[in-house]
């Protein structure tokens, strides 16, 4: 389950309880209660309008973007064996401190360009679509094409023997109608070709949420202020519902005494490496959308 973290102390306890301690990353820290559901599949969530395939293989994705430094650590687990997956390609992307996504600088993050606001880049289902229901026959999400060639805050890393991937980034900002989050895709059996991932299959598409209290503290630091819109909270989101906002929550802590020096965020993402889930659809009505039916 995304957001289940395993502490080193608890991993030692697990050695005598489950025999899984050797499978737990040293950076992680789960309680026994968390481990009980640690191999539950991470929920599939809508990919969103800003995904661009074929991103570079790199750990540092920050480029020249300013913000609170973030060390993001994602561990990939196999739901069938409750064991780490080695060689999974973890593909992440998120917005900058001002809410902009690379490749889509023409989209103003302070303006409602989402569902109910007219043309793309809308990120939700069509009017009348019942949240959580199967999409109408033949319906597919029509995401907009990129508007530029910028690449900041996107990248791919392959998981090591512990299932661990690490990214150096900045704490994301926010944009209209969404709380602070990171998008993630897990590719299985992909290969590297010209510094890009090719082939294989997508075994998970999801999103990771940040605790509101940390997002509140980050939002008042210099790079994140003077916005036209307020950031919504996790429980107001139209993508995360009551279940997914908890199961997709990152474990965040300060790297040093002061928050502006940096944060560390960790999560375990559990996938079925033999599966290729279909596209996920929102579970709630997006801002501006009429009530279903």
C-alpha atoms as a PDB file:
ATOM      1  CA  UNK A   1       0.000   0.000   0.000  1.00  0.00           C
ATOM      2  CA  UNK A   2       1.401   3.367  -0.866  1.00  0.00           C
ATOM      3  CA  UNK A   3       2.220   5.337   2.231  1.00  0.00           C
ATOM      4  CA  UNK A   4       3.011   2.354   4.472  1.00  0.00           C
ATOM      5  CA  UNK A   5       6.395   3.087   6.048  1.00  0.00           C
ATOM      6  CA  UNK A   6       8.622   0.713   7.938  1.00  0.00           C
ATOM      7  CA  UNK A   7      10.864   1.953  10.743  1.00  0.00           C
ATOM      8  CA  UNK A   8      14.217   0.356  11.382  1.00  0.00           C
ATOM      9  CA  UNK A   9      13.240  -0.474  14.954  1.00  0.00           C
ATOM     10  CA  UNK A  10      10.058  -2.184  13.792  1.00  0.00           C
ATOM     11  CA  UNK A  11      11.940  -4.019  11.049  1.00  0.00           C
ATOM     12  CA  UNK A  12      14.033  -5.638  13.759  1.00  0.00           C
ATOM     13  CA  UNK A  13      10.863  -6.627  15.578  1.00  0.00           C
ATOM     14  CA  UNK A  14       9.518  -8.122  12.382  1.00  0.00           C
ATOM     15  CA  UNK A  15      12.589 -10.343  12.096  1.00  0.00           C
ATOM     16  CA  UNK A  16      11.215 -12.450  14.923  1.00  0.00           C
ATOM     17  CA  UNK A  17       7.576 -12.151  13.943  1.00  0.00           C
ATOM     18  CA  UNK A  18       7.323 -12.506  10.195  1.00  0.00           C
ATOM     19  CA  UNK A  19      10.762 -13.323   8.850  1.00  0.00           C
ATOM     20  CA  UNK A  20      10.444 -10.342   6.500  1.00  0.00           C
ATOM     21  CA  UNK A  21      13.048  -8.088   8.070  1.00  0.00           C
ATOM     22  CA  UNK A  22      15.528  -8.824   5.299  1.00  0.00           C
ATOM     23  CA  UNK A  23      12.976  -7.557   2.795  1.00  0.00           C
ATOM     24  CA  UNK A  24      12.446  -4.217   4.502  1.00  0.00           C
ATOM     25  CA  UNK A  25      14.525  -1.229   3.347  1.00  0.00           C
ATOM     26  CA  UNK A  26      16.750   0.167   6.097  1.00  0.00           C
ATOM     27  CA  UNK A  27      15.338   3.648   5.552  1.00  0.00           C
ATOM     28  CA  UNK A  28      11.773   2.465   6.101  1.00  0.00           C
ATOM     29  CA  UNK A  29       9.971   2.095   9.423  1.00  0.00           C
ATOM     30  CA  UNK A  30       6.656   0.173   9.710  1.00  0.00           C
ATOM     31  CA  UNK A  31       4.750  -0.739  12.819  1.00  0.00           C
ATOM     32  CA  UNK A  32       3.362  -4.252  13.203  1.00  0.00           C
ATOM     33  CA  UNK A  33      -0.107  -2.880  12.480  1.00  0.00           C
ATOM     34  CA  UNK A  34       1.128  -1.271   9.284  1.00  0.00           C
ATOM     35  CA  UNK A  35       2.872  -4.453   8.185  1.00  0.00           C
ATOM     36  CA  UNK A  36      -0.396  -6.341   8.525  1.00  0.00           C
ATOM     37  CA  UNK A  37      -1.572  -4.539   5.413  1.00  0.00           C
ATOM     38  CA  UNK A  38       1.822  -3.729   3.924  1.00  0.00           C
ATOM     39  CA  UNK A  39       1.269  -5.898   0.861  1.00  0.00           C
ATOM     40  CA  UNK A  40      -2.098  -4.468  -0.078  1.00  0.00           C
ATOM     41  CA  UNK A  41      -2.039  -3.148  -3.634  1.00  0.00           C
ATOM     42  CA  UNK A  42      -1.574   0.583  -4.006  1.00  0.00           C
ATOM     43  CA  UNK A  43      -4.778   2.135  -5.399  1.00  0.00           C
ATOM     44  CA  UNK A  44      -4.855   2.975  -9.086  1.00  0.00           C
ATOM     45  CA  UNK A  45      -5.520   6.689  -9.575  1.00  0.00           C
ATOM     46  CA  UNK A  46      -6.130   8.906 -12.582  1.00  0.00           C
ATOM     47  CA  UNK A  47      -2.892   9.702 -14.442  1.00  0.00           C
ATOM     48  CA  UNK A  48      -3.812  13.368 -14.841  1.00  0.00           C
ATOM     49  CA  UNK A  49      -3.333  15.712 -17.792  1.00  0.00           C
ATOM     50  CA  UNK A  50       0.389  16.374 -17.452  1.00  0.00           C
ATOM     51  CA  UNK A  51       2.041  12.999 -18.009  1.00  0.00           C
ATOM     52  CA  UNK A  52       4.813  12.854 -20.617  1.00  0.00           C
ATOM     53  CA  UNK A  53       6.296   9.448 -21.456  1.00  0.00           C
ATOM     54  CA  UNK A  54       9.945   8.724 -22.067  1.00  0.00           C
ATOM     55  CA  UNK A  55      11.466  10.818 -19.318  1.00  0.00           C
ATOM     56  CA  UNK A  56      15.202  10.759 -18.604  1.00  0.00           C
ATOM     57  CA  UNK A  57      16.830   8.273 -16.259  1.00  0.00           C
ATOM     58  CA  UNK A  58      18.055  10.558 -13.478  1.00  0.00           C
ATOM     59  CA  UNK A  59      17.981  10.886  -9.714  1.00  0.00           C
ATOM     60  CA  UNK A  60      18.166  14.682  -9.524  1.00  0.00           C
ATOM     61  CA  UNK A  61      15.069  16.096 -11.221  1.00  0.00           C
ATOM     62  CA  UNK A  62      15.105  19.593  -9.690  1.00  0.00           C
ATOM     63  CA  UNK A  63      17.088  21.268 -12.503  1.00  0.00           C
ATOM     64  CA  UNK A  64      17.048  25.021 -11.711  1.00  0.00           C
ATOM     65  CA  UNK A  65      13.804  25.025  -9.745  1.00  0.00           C
ATOM     66  CA  UNK A  66      13.834  26.728  -6.360  1.00  0.00           C
ATOM     67  CA  UNK A  67      11.877  25.497  -3.367  1.00  0.00           C
ATOM     68  CA  UNK A  68      12.228  23.499  -0.164  1.00  0.00           C
ATOM     69  CA  UNK A  69      14.649  20.659  -1.013  1.00  0.00           C
ATOM     70  CA  UNK A  70      13.013  17.236  -1.031  1.00  0.00           C
ATOM     71  CA  UNK A  71      14.561  13.784  -0.908  1.00  0.00           C
ATOM     72  CA  UNK A  72      11.864  11.424  -2.207  1.00  0.00           C
ATOM     73  CA  UNK A  73      12.289   7.705  -1.515  1.00  0.00           C
ATOM     74  CA  UNK A  74       9.878   5.225  -3.072  1.00  0.00           C
ATOM     75  CA  UNK A  75      10.114   1.499  -2.408  1.00  0.00           C
ATOM     76  CA  UNK A  76       8.362  -0.912  -4.798  1.00  0.00           C
ATOM     77  CA  UNK A  77       6.967  -4.158  -3.389  1.00  0.00           C
ATOM     78  CA  UNK A  78       5.496  -7.268  -5.030  1.00  0.00           C
ATOM     79  CA  UNK A  79       1.961  -7.892  -3.740  1.00  0.00           C
ATOM     80  CA  UNK A  80       2.171 -11.639  -4.452  1.00  0.00           C
ATOM     81  CA  UNK A  81       5.361 -12.364  -2.514  1.00  0.00           C
ATOM     82  CA  UNK A  82       5.371  -9.364  -0.156  1.00  0.00           C
ATOM     83  CA  UNK A  83       8.944  -8.768  -1.270  1.00  0.00           C
ATOM     84  CA  UNK A  84      10.854  -5.913  -2.912  1.00  0.00           C
ATOM     85  CA  UNK A  85      10.948  -5.671  -6.689  1.00  0.00           C
ATOM     86  CA  UNK A  86      14.349  -5.118  -8.223  1.00  0.00           C
ATOM     87  CA  UNK A  87      14.594  -3.363 -11.580  1.00  0.00           C
ATOM     88  CA  UNK A  88      11.175  -1.678 -11.574  1.00  0.00           C
ATOM     89  CA  UNK A  89      11.246   1.682 -13.355  1.00  0.00           C
ATOM     90  CA  UNK A  90       9.670   4.309 -11.108  1.00  0.00           C
ATOM     91  CA  UNK A  91       8.501   7.269 -13.182  1.00  0.00           C
ATOM     92  CA  UNK A  92       7.561  10.438 -11.258  1.00  0.00           C
ATOM     93  CA  UNK A  93       6.417  13.938 -12.115  1.00  0.00           C
ATOM     94  CA  UNK A  94       5.086  16.886 -10.142  1.00  0.00           C
ATOM     95  CA  UNK A  95       4.602  20.647 -10.319  1.00  0.00           C
ATOM     96  CA  UNK A  96       7.064  23.315  -9.179  1.00  0.00           C
ATOM     97  CA  UNK A  97       6.658  25.710  -6.240  1.00  0.00           C
ATOM     98  CA  UNK A  98       4.381  27.948  -8.321  1.00  0.00           C
ATOM     99  CA  UNK A  99       2.199  25.085  -9.557  1.00  0.00           C
ATOM    100  CA  UNK A 100       3.619  24.768 -13.088  1.00  0.00           C
ATOM    101  CA  UNK A 101       4.378  21.440 -14.772  1.00  0.00           C
ATOM    102  CA  UNK A 102       7.233  21.175 -17.221  1.00  0.00           C
ATOM    103  CA  UNK A 103       5.984  20.734 -20.752  1.00  0.00           C
ATOM    104  CA  UNK A 104       2.836  22.725 -19.903  1.00  0.00           C
ATOM    105  CA  UNK A 105       4.049  26.224 -19.092  1.00  0.00           C
ATOM    106  CA  UNK A 106       1.143  27.698 -21.094  1.00  0.00           C
ATOM    107  CA  UNK A 107      -1.272  26.431 -18.422  1.00  0.00           C
ATOM    108  CA  UNK A 108      -1.755  28.952 -15.589  1.00  0.00           C
ATOM    109  CA  UNK A 109      -1.912  26.988 -12.293  1.00  0.00           C
ATOM    110  CA  UNK A 110      -3.952  29.755 -10.642  1.00  0.00           C
ATOM    111  CA  UNK A 111      -6.811  29.500 -13.148  1.00  0.00           C
ATOM    112  CA  UNK A 112      -9.480  26.813 -13.351  1.00  0.00           C
ATOM    113  CA  UNK A 113      -8.704  24.980 -16.552  1.00  0.00           C
ATOM    114  CA  UNK A 114     -10.124  21.765 -15.138  1.00  0.00           C
ATOM    115  CA  UNK A 115     -13.452  19.935 -15.412  1.00  0.00           C
ATOM    116  CA  UNK A 116     -16.425  22.199 -15.861  1.00  0.00           C
ATOM    117  CA  UNK A 117     -14.261  25.042 -17.206  1.00  0.00           C
ATOM    118  CA  UNK A 118     -14.520  24.189 -20.882  1.00  0.00           C
ATOM    119  CA  UNK A 119     -11.761  22.882 -23.140  1.00  0.00           C
ATOM    120  CA  UNK A 120      -8.649  20.893 -22.110  1.00  0.00           C
ATOM    121  CA  UNK A 121      -6.452  20.647 -20.208  1.00  0.00           C
ATOM    122  CA  UNK A 122      -9.367  19.387 -18.164  1.00  0.00           C
ATOM    123  CA  UNK A 123      -8.378  16.579 -15.843  1.00  0.00           C
ATOM    124  CA  UNK A 124     -11.712  14.941 -15.114  1.00  0.00           C
ATOM    125  CA  UNK A 125     -14.516  12.878 -16.642  1.00  0.00           C
ATOM    126  CA  UNK A 126     -17.298  14.271 -18.855  1.00  0.00           C
ATOM    127  CA  UNK A 127     -20.416  15.935 -17.377  1.00  0.00           C
ATOM    128  CA  UNK A 128     -22.894  13.361 -16.133  1.00  0.00           C
ATOM    129  CA  UNK A 129     -20.212  10.774 -15.456  1.00  0.00           C
ATOM    130  CA  UNK A 130     -20.813   9.091 -12.108  1.00  0.00           C
ATOM    131  CA  UNK A 131     -17.648   9.230  -9.970  1.00  0.00           C
ATOM    132  CA  UNK A 132     -16.262   5.762  -9.333  1.00  0.00           C
ATOM    133  CA  UNK A 133     -18.432   4.149 -11.996  1.00  0.00           C
ATOM    134  CA  UNK A 134     -17.248   2.380 -15.120  1.00  0.00           C
ATOM    135  CA  UNK A 135     -16.680   4.858 -17.966  1.00  0.00           C
ATOM    136  CA  UNK A 136     -19.140   4.997 -20.858  1.00  0.00           C
ATOM    137  CA  UNK A 137     -18.385   2.521 -23.693  1.00  0.00           C
ATOM    138  CA  UNK A 138     -15.514   3.748 -25.805  1.00  0.00           C
ATOM    139  CA  UNK A 139     -14.733   6.659 -23.478  1.00  0.00           C
ATOM    140  CA  UNK A 140     -11.069   7.611 -23.080  1.00  0.00           C
ATOM    141  CA  UNK A 141      -9.435  10.531 -21.328  1.00  0.00           C
ATOM    142  CA  UNK A 142      -8.326  13.146 -23.854  1.00  0.00           C
ATOM    143  CA  UNK A 143      -5.269  14.796 -22.342  1.00  0.00           C
ATOM    144  CA  UNK A 144      -3.723  17.886 -23.944  1.00  0.00           C
ATOM    145  CA  UNK A 145      -0.470  17.835 -25.880  1.00  0.00           C
ATOM    146  CA  UNK A 146       2.627  19.429 -24.278  1.00  0.00           C
ATOM    147  CA  UNK A 147       3.145  23.111 -25.029  1.00  0.00           C
ATOM    148  CA  UNK A 148       6.934  23.292 -24.607  1.00  0.00           C
ATOM    149  CA  UNK A 149      10.087  21.208 -24.179  1.00  0.00           C
ATOM    150  CA  UNK A 150      10.939  21.919 -20.527  1.00  0.00           C
ATOM    151  CA  UNK A 151      11.727  18.844 -18.420  1.00  0.00           C
ATOM    152  CA  UNK A 152      12.001  19.956 -14.772  1.00  0.00           C
ATOM    153  CA  UNK A 153      10.643  17.754 -11.989  1.00  0.00           C
ATOM    154  CA  UNK A 154      10.302  14.649 -14.140  1.00  0.00           C
ATOM    155  CA  UNK A 155      12.476  11.559 -14.094  1.00  0.00           C
ATOM    156  CA  UNK A 156      12.844   7.799 -13.789  1.00  0.00           C
ATOM    157  CA  UNK A 157      14.879   5.584 -11.492  1.00  0.00           C
ATOM    158  CA  UNK A 158      15.198   1.786 -11.382  1.00  0.00           C
ATOM    159  CA  UNK A 159      14.673   0.091  -8.026  1.00  0.00           C
ATOM    160  CA  UNK A 160      17.619  -1.604  -6.341  1.00  0.00           C
ATOM    161  CA  UNK A 161      17.715  -4.969  -4.537  1.00  0.00           C
ATOM    162  CA  UNK A 162      15.717  -3.449  -1.667  1.00  0.00           C
ATOM    163  CA  UNK A 163      13.079  -2.155  -4.079  1.00  0.00           C
ATOM    164  CA  UNK A 164      14.262   1.377  -3.336  1.00  0.00           C
ATOM    165  CA  UNK A 165      14.425   4.386  -5.642  1.00  0.00           C
ATOM    166  CA  UNK A 166      15.639   7.853  -4.651  1.00  0.00           C
ATOM    167  CA  UNK A 167      14.923  11.229  -6.203  1.00  0.00           C
ATOM    168  CA  UNK A 168      16.337  14.662  -5.407  1.00  0.00           C
ATOM    169  CA  UNK A 169      13.677  17.284  -5.993  1.00  0.00           C
ATOM    170  CA  UNK A 170      11.805  20.156  -4.358  1.00  0.00           C
ATOM    171  CA  UNK A 171       8.591  20.047  -2.349  1.00  0.00           C
ATOM    172  CA  UNK A 172       5.736  20.464  -4.852  1.00  0.00           C
ATOM    173  CA  UNK A 173       3.495  23.494  -4.866  1.00  0.00           C
ATOM    174  CA  UNK A 174      -0.150  23.339  -5.895  1.00  0.00           C
ATOM    175  CA  UNK A 175      -2.543  24.344  -8.633  1.00  0.00           C
ATOM    176  CA  UNK A 176      -6.248  24.945  -9.024  1.00  0.00           C
ATOM    177  CA  UNK A 177      -8.413  22.269  -7.445  1.00  0.00           C
ATOM    178  CA  UNK A 178      -5.653  19.962  -6.180  1.00  0.00           C
ATOM    179  CA  UNK A 179      -3.694  19.583  -2.933  1.00  0.00           C
ATOM    180  CA  UNK A 180       0.056  18.976  -2.930  1.00  0.00           C
ATOM    181  CA  UNK A 181       0.933  15.634  -4.552  1.00  0.00           C
ATOM    182  CA  UNK A 182       3.377  13.636  -6.685  1.00  0.00           C
ATOM    183  CA  UNK A 183       2.405  11.425  -9.622  1.00  0.00           C
ATOM    184  CA  UNK A 184       4.001   7.990  -9.954  1.00  0.00           C
ATOM    185  CA  UNK A 185       4.025   5.193 -12.511  1.00  0.00           C
ATOM    186  CA  UNK A 186       5.717   1.817 -12.091  1.00  0.00           C
ATOM    187  CA  UNK A 187       6.996   0.151 -15.270  1.00  0.00           C
ATOM    188  CA  UNK A 188       7.945  -3.540 -15.178  1.00  0.00           C
ATOM    189  CA  UNK A 189      10.463  -5.216 -17.532  1.00  0.00           C
ATOM    190  CA  UNK A 190      11.349  -1.932 -19.191  1.00  0.00           C
ATOM    191  CA  UNK A 191      14.793  -1.305 -20.644  1.00  0.00           C
ATOM    192  CA  UNK A 192      17.029   1.723 -21.043  1.00  0.00           C
ATOM    193  CA  UNK A 193      17.556   3.025 -24.545  1.00  0.00           C
ATOM    194  CA  UNK A 194      19.293   6.365 -25.158  1.00  0.00           C
ATOM    195  CA  UNK A 195      18.746   7.315 -21.499  1.00  0.00           C
ATOM    196  CA  UNK A 196      14.989   6.647 -21.746  1.00  0.00           C
ATOM    197  CA  UNK A 197      12.818   3.734 -20.666  1.00  0.00           C
ATOM    198  CA  UNK A 198      11.297   1.648 -23.445  1.00  0.00           C
ATOM    199  CA  UNK A 199       9.118  -1.450 -23.592  1.00  0.00           C
ATOM    200  CA  UNK A 200       7.746  -3.372 -20.670  1.00  0.00           C
ATOM    201  CA  UNK A 201       4.357  -2.639 -19.161  1.00  0.00           C
ATOM    202  CA  UNK A 202       2.796  -0.234 -16.699  1.00  0.00           C
ATOM    203  CA  UNK A 203       1.821  -2.116 -13.535  1.00  0.00           C
ATOM    204  CA  UNK A 204       0.720   0.895 -11.504  1.00  0.00           C
ATOM    205  CA  UNK A 205      -0.403   4.477 -11.986  1.00  0.00           C
ATOM    206  CA  UNK A 206      -0.928   6.421  -8.792  1.00  0.00           C
ATOM    207  CA  UNK A 207      -0.370   9.567  -6.802  1.00  0.00           C
ATOM    208  CA  UNK A 208       1.260  10.257  -3.450  1.00  0.00           C
ATOM    209  CA  UNK A 209      -0.133  12.850  -1.068  1.00  0.00           C
ATOM    210  CA  UNK A 210       1.698  15.041   1.448  1.00  0.00           C
ATOM    211  CA  UNK A 211       0.548  15.661   5.027  1.00  0.00           C
ATOM    212  CA  UNK A 212      -1.371  18.939   5.231  1.00  0.00           C
ATOM    213  CA  UNK A 213       0.651  20.150   8.197  1.00  0.00           C
ATOM    214  CA  UNK A 214       3.912  19.994   6.232  1.00  0.00           C
ATOM    215  CA  UNK A 215       2.301  21.542   3.168  1.00  0.00           C
ATOM    216  CA  UNK A 216       1.000  24.377   5.368  1.00  0.00           C
ATOM    217  CA  UNK A 217       4.516  25.074   6.631  1.00  0.00           C
ATOM    218  CA  UNK A 218       6.077  24.904   3.180  1.00  0.00           C
ATOM    219  CA  UNK A 219       3.393  27.184   1.709  1.00  0.00           C
ATOM    220  CA  UNK A 220       4.573  30.171   3.758  1.00  0.00           C
ATOM    221  CA  UNK A 221       8.205  29.939   2.643  1.00  0.00           C
ATOM    222  CA  UNK A 222       9.403  32.428   0.044  1.00  0.00           C
ATOM    223  CA  UNK A 223       9.103  30.445  -3.214  1.00  0.00           C
ATOM    224  CA  UNK A 224       5.521  29.355  -2.474  1.00  0.00           C
ATOM    225  CA  UNK A 225       3.863  32.640  -1.455  1.00  0.00           C
ATOM    226  CA  UNK A 226       1.942  35.370  -3.317  1.00  0.00           C
ATOM    227  CA  UNK A 227      -0.406  32.962  -5.079  1.00  0.00           C
ATOM    228  CA  UNK A 228      -3.797  33.935  -6.509  1.00  0.00           C
ATOM    229  CA  UNK A 229      -5.454  30.803  -5.177  1.00  0.00           C
ATOM    230  CA  UNK A 230      -5.390  28.974  -1.866  1.00  0.00           C
ATOM    231  CA  UNK A 231      -4.218  25.379  -1.684  1.00  0.00           C
ATOM    232  CA  UNK A 232      -7.029  22.948  -0.956  1.00  0.00           C
ATOM    233  CA  UNK A 233      -6.571  20.291   1.694  1.00  0.00           C
ATOM    234  CA  UNK A 234      -6.378  16.554   1.161  1.00  0.00           C
ATOM    235  CA  UNK A 235      -9.924  15.897   2.361  1.00  0.00           C
ATOM    236  CA  UNK A 236     -11.273  18.388  -0.196  1.00  0.00           C
ATOM    237  CA  UNK A 237      -9.638  16.706  -3.167  1.00  0.00           C
ATOM    238  CA  UNK A 238     -11.563  15.058  -6.016  1.00  0.00           C
ATOM    239  CA  UNK A 239      -8.880  12.426  -6.743  1.00  0.00           C
ATOM    240  CA  UNK A 240      -8.053  11.253  -3.229  1.00  0.00           C
ATOM    241  CA  UNK A 241     -11.042   9.916  -1.330  1.00  0.00           C
ATOM    242  CA  UNK A 242     -11.096   8.951   2.344  1.00  0.00           C
ATOM    243  CA  UNK A 243      -9.353   5.639   1.645  1.00  0.00           C
ATOM    244  CA  UNK A 244      -6.757   6.688  -0.891  1.00  0.00           C
ATOM    245  CA  UNK A 245      -5.695   9.875   0.869  1.00  0.00           C
ATOM    246  CA  UNK A 246      -4.605   7.720   3.796  1.00  0.00           C
ATOM    247  CA  UNK A 247      -3.110   4.827   1.842  1.00  0.00           C
ATOM    248  CA  UNK A 248      -1.180   7.180  -0.463  1.00  0.00           C
ATOM    249  CA  UNK A 249       0.182   9.440   2.267  1.00  0.00           C
ATOM    250  CA  UNK A 250       3.927  10.024   2.252  1.00  0.00           C
ATOM    251  CA  UNK A 251       5.831   9.857   5.522  1.00  0.00           C
ATOM    252  CA  UNK A 252       7.600  13.219   5.781  1.00  0.00           C
ATOM    253  CA  UNK A 253      10.305  14.402   8.155  1.00  0.00           C
ATOM    254  CA  UNK A 254      12.828  17.209   8.309  1.00  0.00           C
ATOM    255  CA  UNK A 255      16.334  16.495   7.101  1.00  0.00           C
ATOM    256  CA  UNK A 256      17.755  19.082   9.518  1.00  0.00           C
ATOM    257  CA  UNK A 257      16.507  21.304  12.333  1.00  0.00           C
ATOM    258  CA  UNK A 258      14.968  23.940  10.081  1.00  0.00           C
ATOM    259  CA  UNK A 259      12.382  23.084   7.435  1.00  0.00           C
ATOM    260  CA  UNK A 260      13.854  25.262   4.627  1.00  0.00           C
ATOM    261  CA  UNK A 261      17.003  23.108   4.739  1.00  0.00           C
ATOM    262  CA  UNK A 262      15.070  20.178   3.338  1.00  0.00           C
ATOM    263  CA  UNK A 263      12.581  17.384   3.873  1.00  0.00           C
ATOM    264  CA  UNK A 264      12.625  13.621   3.383  1.00  0.00           C
ATOM    265  CA  UNK A 265       9.486  11.877   2.115  1.00  0.00           C
ATOM    266  CA  UNK A 266       9.087   8.093   1.944  1.00  0.00           C
ATOM    267  CA  UNK A 267       6.450   5.632   0.742  1.00  0.00           C
ATOM    268  CA  UNK A 268       6.063   1.976  -0.150  1.00  0.00           C
ATOM    269  CA  UNK A 269       4.144   1.316  -3.373  1.00  0.00           C
ATOM    270  CA  UNK A 270       2.828  -2.233  -3.714  1.00  0.00           C
ATOM    271  CA  UNK A 271       2.107  -3.525  -7.222  1.00  0.00           C
ATOM    272  CA  UNK A 272       1.325  -6.769  -8.980  1.00  0.00           C
ATOM    273  CA  UNK A 273       4.233  -6.992 -11.453  1.00  0.00           C
ATOM    274  CA  UNK A 274       2.290  -9.342 -13.719  1.00  0.00           C
ATOM    275  CA  UNK A 275      -0.716  -7.025 -13.999  1.00  0.00           C
ATOM    276  CA  UNK A 276      -1.409  -4.197 -16.426  1.00  0.00           C
ATOM    277  CA  UNK A 277      -4.279  -2.235 -14.861  1.00  0.00           C
ATOM    278  CA  UNK A 278      -6.576  -0.275 -17.135  1.00  0.00           C
ATOM    279  CA  UNK A 279      -6.969   3.504 -16.874  1.00  0.00           C
ATOM    280  CA  UNK A 280      -8.238   4.754 -13.540  1.00  0.00           C
ATOM    281  CA  UNK A 281     -11.037   7.278 -13.226  1.00  0.00           C
ATOM    282  CA  UNK A 282     -11.805   9.803 -10.490  1.00  0.00           C
ATOM    283  CA  UNK A 283     -13.786   8.677  -7.472  1.00  0.00           C
ATOM    284  CA  UNK A 284     -15.261  12.113  -6.784  1.00  0.00           C
ATOM    285  CA  UNK A 285     -16.824  14.962  -8.723  1.00  0.00           C
ATOM    286  CA  UNK A 286     -14.212  17.517  -9.750  1.00  0.00           C
ATOM    287  CA  UNK A 287     -14.558  21.257  -9.067  1.00  0.00           C
ATOM    288  CA  UNK A 288     -17.027  22.841 -11.479  1.00  0.00           C
ATOM    289  CA  UNK A 289     -18.523  19.556 -12.643  1.00  0.00           C
ATOM    290  CA  UNK A 290     -22.322  19.206 -12.514  1.00  0.00           C
ATOM    291  CA  UNK A 291     -23.767  16.553 -10.256  1.00  0.00           C
ATOM    292  CA  UNK A 292     -23.965  13.160 -11.979  1.00  0.00           C
ATOM    293  CA  UNK A 293     -27.203  12.105 -13.584  1.00  0.00           C
END
